[in-house]
Amino acid sequence: MTILPVRDAELLLAEYNAGAWMPTAAERALAESLAFSGLSPSSLRAGLRQAPPGRLWDVLAPVTAATETTAVIPSEELLPLRRLLDAVTPPP
């Protein structure tokens, strides 16, 4: 059973991989911040407060709301989001 709304993350990653979507510098910074800080409700909320709206923001906003109302999130539920953030995060 899926708890988080991650389908949009999978679709956005597919668009990114196909070259149909390119993240802005602000979206890359958000992805990098979340990739390093983790996907807790507080880090997601803080990241969204600092980032301007965009496609990545649109994907993360419903996930943030879901994490705040879900007691325990299985790690496999976060995999699509981690894959998206890893792909978008600038290389070191």
N, C-alpha and C. Protein backbone atom coordinates (compact mmCIF):
# COMPACT_ATOMS: atom_id res chain seq x y z
N MET A 1 0.84 -1.18 0.00
CA MET A 1 0.00 0.00 0.00
C MET A 1 0.88 1.24 0.00
N THR A 2 0.65 2.14 -0.92
CA THR A 2 1.41 3.37 -1.01
C THR A 2 0.81 4.42 -0.09
N ILE A 3 1.66 5.00 0.73
CA ILE A 3 1.23 6.05 1.65
C ILE A 3 1.49 7.42 1.06
N LEU A 4 2.65 7.59 0.45
CA LEU A 4 3.04 8.89 -0.09
C LEU A 4 2.63 9.03 -1.55
N PRO A 5 2.30 10.26 -1.97
CA PRO A 5 1.97 10.50 -3.38
C PRO A 5 3.25 10.66 -4.20
N VAL A 6 3.87 9.54 -4.56
CA VAL A 6 5.17 9.59 -5.22
C VAL A 6 5.10 9.40 -6.73
N ARG A 7 3.94 9.16 -7.27
CA ARG A 7 3.82 8.96 -8.73
C ARG A 7 4.34 10.17 -9.49
N ASP A 8 4.06 11.37 -9.00
CA ASP A 8 4.53 12.57 -9.67
C ASP A 8 6.05 12.66 -9.65
N ALA A 9 6.68 12.17 -8.59
CA ALA A 9 8.15 12.14 -8.53
C ALA A 9 8.71 11.22 -9.60
N GLU A 10 8.07 10.09 -9.79
CA GLU A 10 8.51 9.15 -10.82
C GLU A 10 8.36 9.75 -12.21
N LEU A 11 7.24 10.44 -12.44
CA LEU A 11 7.01 11.07 -13.74
C LEU A 11 8.00 12.21 -13.99
N LEU A 12 8.28 13.01 -12.97
CA LEU A 12 9.22 14.12 -13.13
C LEU A 12 10.63 13.59 -13.38
N LEU A 13 11.01 12.52 -12.72
CA LEU A 13 12.31 11.91 -12.97
C LEU A 13 12.39 11.40 -14.40
N ALA A 14 11.34 10.80 -14.90
CA ALA A 14 11.32 10.33 -16.28
C ALA A 14 11.47 11.51 -17.25
N GLU A 15 10.80 12.61 -16.96
CA GLU A 15 10.93 13.80 -17.80
C GLU A 15 12.36 14.35 -17.75
N TYR A 16 12.94 14.35 -16.57
CA TYR A 16 14.31 14.82 -16.41
C TYR A 16 15.27 13.94 -17.21
N ASN A 17 15.13 12.64 -17.08
CA ASN A 17 16.00 11.70 -17.79
C ASN A 17 15.84 11.81 -19.31
N ALA A 18 14.65 12.17 -19.75
CA ALA A 18 14.39 12.31 -21.19
C ALA A 18 14.77 13.70 -21.71
N GLY A 19 15.15 14.60 -20.81
CA GLY A 19 15.50 15.95 -21.21
C GLY A 19 14.32 16.86 -21.43
N ALA A 20 13.13 16.43 -21.02
CA ALA A 20 11.92 17.23 -21.19
C ALA A 20 11.74 18.25 -20.07
N TRP A 21 12.41 18.08 -18.96
CA TRP A 21 12.36 19.03 -17.84
C TRP A 21 13.77 19.26 -17.35
N MET A 22 14.10 20.53 -17.18
CA MET A 22 15.39 20.89 -16.60
C MET A 22 15.12 21.72 -15.35
N PRO A 23 15.66 21.31 -14.21
CA PRO A 23 15.42 22.05 -12.98
C PRO A 23 16.14 23.40 -13.01
N THR A 24 15.54 24.36 -12.34
CA THR A 24 16.18 25.67 -12.20
C THR A 24 17.31 25.55 -11.18
N ALA A 25 18.12 26.57 -11.06
CA ALA A 25 19.19 26.58 -10.06
C ALA A 25 18.60 26.46 -8.66
N ALA A 26 17.46 27.11 -8.42
CA ALA A 26 16.82 27.03 -7.10
C ALA A 26 16.32 25.61 -6.82
N GLU A 27 15.80 24.94 -7.85
CA GLU A 27 15.34 23.57 -7.66
C GLU A 27 16.52 22.63 -7.40
N ARG A 28 17.63 22.87 -8.08
CA ARG A 28 18.83 22.06 -7.81
C ARG A 28 19.32 22.28 -6.38
N ALA A 29 19.27 23.52 -5.92
CA ALA A 29 19.69 23.81 -4.54
C ALA A 29 18.76 23.13 -3.54
N LEU A 30 17.47 23.15 -3.82
CA LEU A 30 16.50 22.47 -2.95
C LEU A 30 16.78 20.97 -2.93
N ALA A 31 16.99 20.39 -4.09
CA ALA A 31 17.27 18.95 -4.17
C ALA A 31 18.53 18.61 -3.39
N GLU A 32 19.56 19.42 -3.54
CA GLU A 32 20.82 19.17 -2.83
C GLU A 32 20.62 19.27 -1.32
N SER A 33 19.91 20.28 -0.90
CA SER A 33 19.64 20.45 0.53
C SER A 33 18.89 19.26 1.11
N LEU A 34 17.86 18.81 0.41
CA LEU A 34 17.07 17.68 0.89
C LEU A 34 17.83 16.36 0.79
N ALA A 35 18.67 16.23 -0.23
CA ALA A 35 19.46 15.00 -0.37
C ALA A 35 20.40 14.83 0.81
N PHE A 36 20.92 15.93 1.32
CA PHE A 36 21.85 15.85 2.44
C PHE A 36 21.17 15.89 3.80
N SER A 37 20.06 16.60 3.92
CA SER A 37 19.41 16.72 5.22
C SER A 37 18.41 15.61 5.50
N GLY A 38 17.96 14.93 4.46
CA GLY A 38 17.00 13.86 4.64
C GLY A 38 15.59 14.31 4.31
N LEU A 39 14.69 13.37 4.34
CA LEU A 39 13.31 13.63 3.95
C LEU A 39 12.35 13.57 5.13
N SER A 40 12.72 14.21 6.20
CA SER A 40 11.83 14.29 7.35
C SER A 40 10.79 15.38 7.09
N PRO A 41 9.67 15.33 7.79
CA PRO A 41 8.67 16.38 7.60
C PRO A 41 9.25 17.78 7.83
N SER A 42 10.11 17.93 8.82
CA SER A 42 10.65 19.27 9.10
C SER A 42 11.62 19.73 8.01
N SER A 43 12.45 18.84 7.47
CA SER A 43 13.38 19.25 6.42
C SER A 43 12.62 19.56 5.13
N LEU A 44 11.61 18.78 4.82
CA LEU A 44 10.79 19.05 3.64
C LEU A 44 10.09 20.40 3.77
N ARG A 45 9.50 20.66 4.92
CA ARG A 45 8.79 21.91 5.16
C ARG A 45 9.74 23.10 5.05
N ALA A 46 10.92 22.98 5.67
CA ALA A 46 11.91 24.06 5.61
C ALA A 46 12.38 24.29 4.18
N GLY A 47 12.62 23.22 3.45
CA GLY A 47 13.06 23.35 2.07
C GLY A 47 12.03 24.04 1.20
N LEU A 48 10.77 23.69 1.38
CA LEU A 48 9.72 24.31 0.59
C LEU A 48 9.54 25.78 0.93
N ARG A 49 9.77 26.14 2.18
CA ARG A 49 9.66 27.56 2.57
C ARG A 49 10.72 28.40 1.89
N GLN A 50 11.89 27.83 1.67
CA GLN A 50 13.01 28.58 1.10
C GLN A 50 13.01 28.57 -0.43
N ALA A 51 12.37 27.61 -1.04
CA ALA A 51 12.44 27.45 -2.50
C ALA A 51 11.26 28.15 -3.18
N PRO A 52 11.52 28.73 -4.35
CA PRO A 52 10.41 29.29 -5.12
C PRO A 52 9.60 28.16 -5.74
N PRO A 53 8.32 28.41 -5.99
CA PRO A 53 7.51 27.38 -6.63
C PRO A 53 8.08 26.97 -7.99
N GLY A 54 7.90 25.72 -8.32
CA GLY A 54 8.37 25.16 -9.59
C GLY A 54 7.90 23.72 -9.65
N ARG A 55 8.34 23.00 -10.64
CA ARG A 55 7.91 21.61 -10.81
C ARG A 55 8.32 20.74 -9.63
N LEU A 56 9.55 20.91 -9.14
CA LEU A 56 10.01 20.12 -8.00
C LEU A 56 9.19 20.46 -6.77
N TRP A 57 8.93 21.73 -6.57
CA TRP A 57 8.11 22.18 -5.44
C TRP A 57 6.72 21.53 -5.53
N ASP A 58 6.15 21.51 -6.74
CA ASP A 58 4.82 20.91 -6.93
C ASP A 58 4.79 19.43 -6.56
N VAL A 59 5.90 18.73 -6.79
CA VAL A 59 5.98 17.30 -6.44
C VAL A 59 6.15 17.13 -4.93
N LEU A 60 6.97 17.99 -4.34
CA LEU A 60 7.29 17.82 -2.92
C LEU A 60 6.20 18.31 -1.97
N ALA A 61 5.41 19.29 -2.36
CA ALA A 61 4.39 19.84 -1.47
C ALA A 61 3.40 18.78 -0.98
N PRO A 62 2.80 17.96 -1.85
CA PRO A 62 1.88 16.94 -1.34
C PRO A 62 2.57 15.87 -0.51
N VAL A 63 3.82 15.57 -0.85
CA VAL A 63 4.58 14.59 -0.07
C VAL A 63 4.81 15.14 1.34
N THR A 64 5.14 16.43 1.42
CA THR A 64 5.36 17.07 2.72
C THR A 64 4.10 16.97 3.58
N ALA A 65 2.97 17.28 2.99
CA ALA A 65 1.70 17.18 3.72
C ALA A 65 1.44 15.76 4.19
N ALA A 66 1.74 14.79 3.33
CA ALA A 66 1.52 13.38 3.70
C ALA A 66 2.45 12.94 4.81
N THR A 67 3.71 13.40 4.79
CA THR A 67 4.64 12.98 5.84
C THR A 67 4.25 13.56 7.20
N GLU A 68 3.58 14.68 7.18
CA GLU A 68 3.17 15.30 8.45
C GLU A 68 1.98 14.60 9.08
N THR A 69 1.25 13.82 8.29
CA THR A 69 0.07 13.13 8.82
C THR A 69 0.27 11.62 8.95
N THR A 70 1.44 11.14 8.57
CA THR A 70 1.74 9.71 8.60
C THR A 70 2.75 9.45 9.70
N ALA A 71 2.41 8.55 10.61
CA ALA A 71 3.30 8.29 11.75
C ALA A 71 4.61 7.65 11.33
N VAL A 72 4.54 6.60 10.54
CA VAL A 72 5.74 5.88 10.13
C VAL A 72 5.71 5.74 8.61
N ILE A 73 6.79 6.15 7.98
CA ILE A 73 6.89 6.05 6.52
C ILE A 73 7.92 4.98 6.19
N PRO A 74 7.49 3.90 5.54
CA PRO A 74 8.46 2.87 5.15
C PRO A 74 9.51 3.45 4.21
N SER A 75 10.76 3.04 4.38
CA SER A 75 11.85 3.61 3.59
C SER A 75 11.64 3.39 2.09
N GLU A 76 11.01 2.28 1.72
CA GLU A 76 10.78 2.04 0.29
C GLU A 76 9.83 3.07 -0.32
N GLU A 77 8.99 3.68 0.51
CA GLU A 77 8.08 4.72 0.03
C GLU A 77 8.85 5.97 -0.40
N LEU A 78 10.01 6.18 0.19
CA LEU A 78 10.80 7.37 -0.11
C LEU A 78 11.74 7.18 -1.30
N LEU A 79 11.90 5.96 -1.79
CA LEU A 79 12.84 5.70 -2.88
C LEU A 79 12.61 6.54 -4.13
N PRO A 80 11.37 6.70 -4.62
CA PRO A 80 11.19 7.54 -5.81
C PRO A 80 11.64 8.98 -5.58
N LEU A 81 11.41 9.49 -4.38
CA LEU A 81 11.84 10.85 -4.08
C LEU A 81 13.36 10.94 -3.99
N ARG A 82 13.97 9.96 -3.36
CA ARG A 82 15.43 9.95 -3.26
C ARG A 82 16.07 9.86 -4.65
N ARG A 83 15.49 9.05 -5.51
CA ARG A 83 16.04 8.93 -6.88
C ARG A 83 15.93 10.26 -7.62
N LEU A 84 14.80 10.93 -7.47
CA LEU A 84 14.62 12.23 -8.12
C LEU A 84 15.61 13.25 -7.57
N LEU A 85 15.73 13.32 -6.26
CA LEU A 85 16.65 14.29 -5.66
C LEU A 85 18.10 13.99 -6.02
N ASP A 86 18.45 12.73 -6.04
CA ASP A 86 19.84 12.35 -6.42
C ASP A 86 20.12 12.75 -7.87
N ALA A 87 19.16 12.56 -8.73
CA ALA A 87 19.36 12.90 -10.14
C ALA A 87 19.51 14.41 -10.35
N VAL A 88 18.74 15.17 -9.62
CA VAL A 88 18.71 16.62 -9.79
C VAL A 88 19.84 17.32 -9.05
N THR A 89 20.34 16.70 -8.00
CA THR A 89 21.41 17.31 -7.22
C THR A 89 22.67 17.47 -8.07
N PRO A 90 23.25 18.67 -8.05
CA PRO A 90 24.47 18.87 -8.83
C PRO A 90 25.59 17.97 -8.35
N PRO A 91 26.43 17.51 -9.27
CA PRO A 91 27.55 16.66 -8.85
C PRO A 91 28.54 17.45 -7.99
N PRO A 92 29.24 16.76 -7.10
CA PRO A 92 30.20 17.47 -6.23
C PRO A 92 31.36 18.05 -7.00
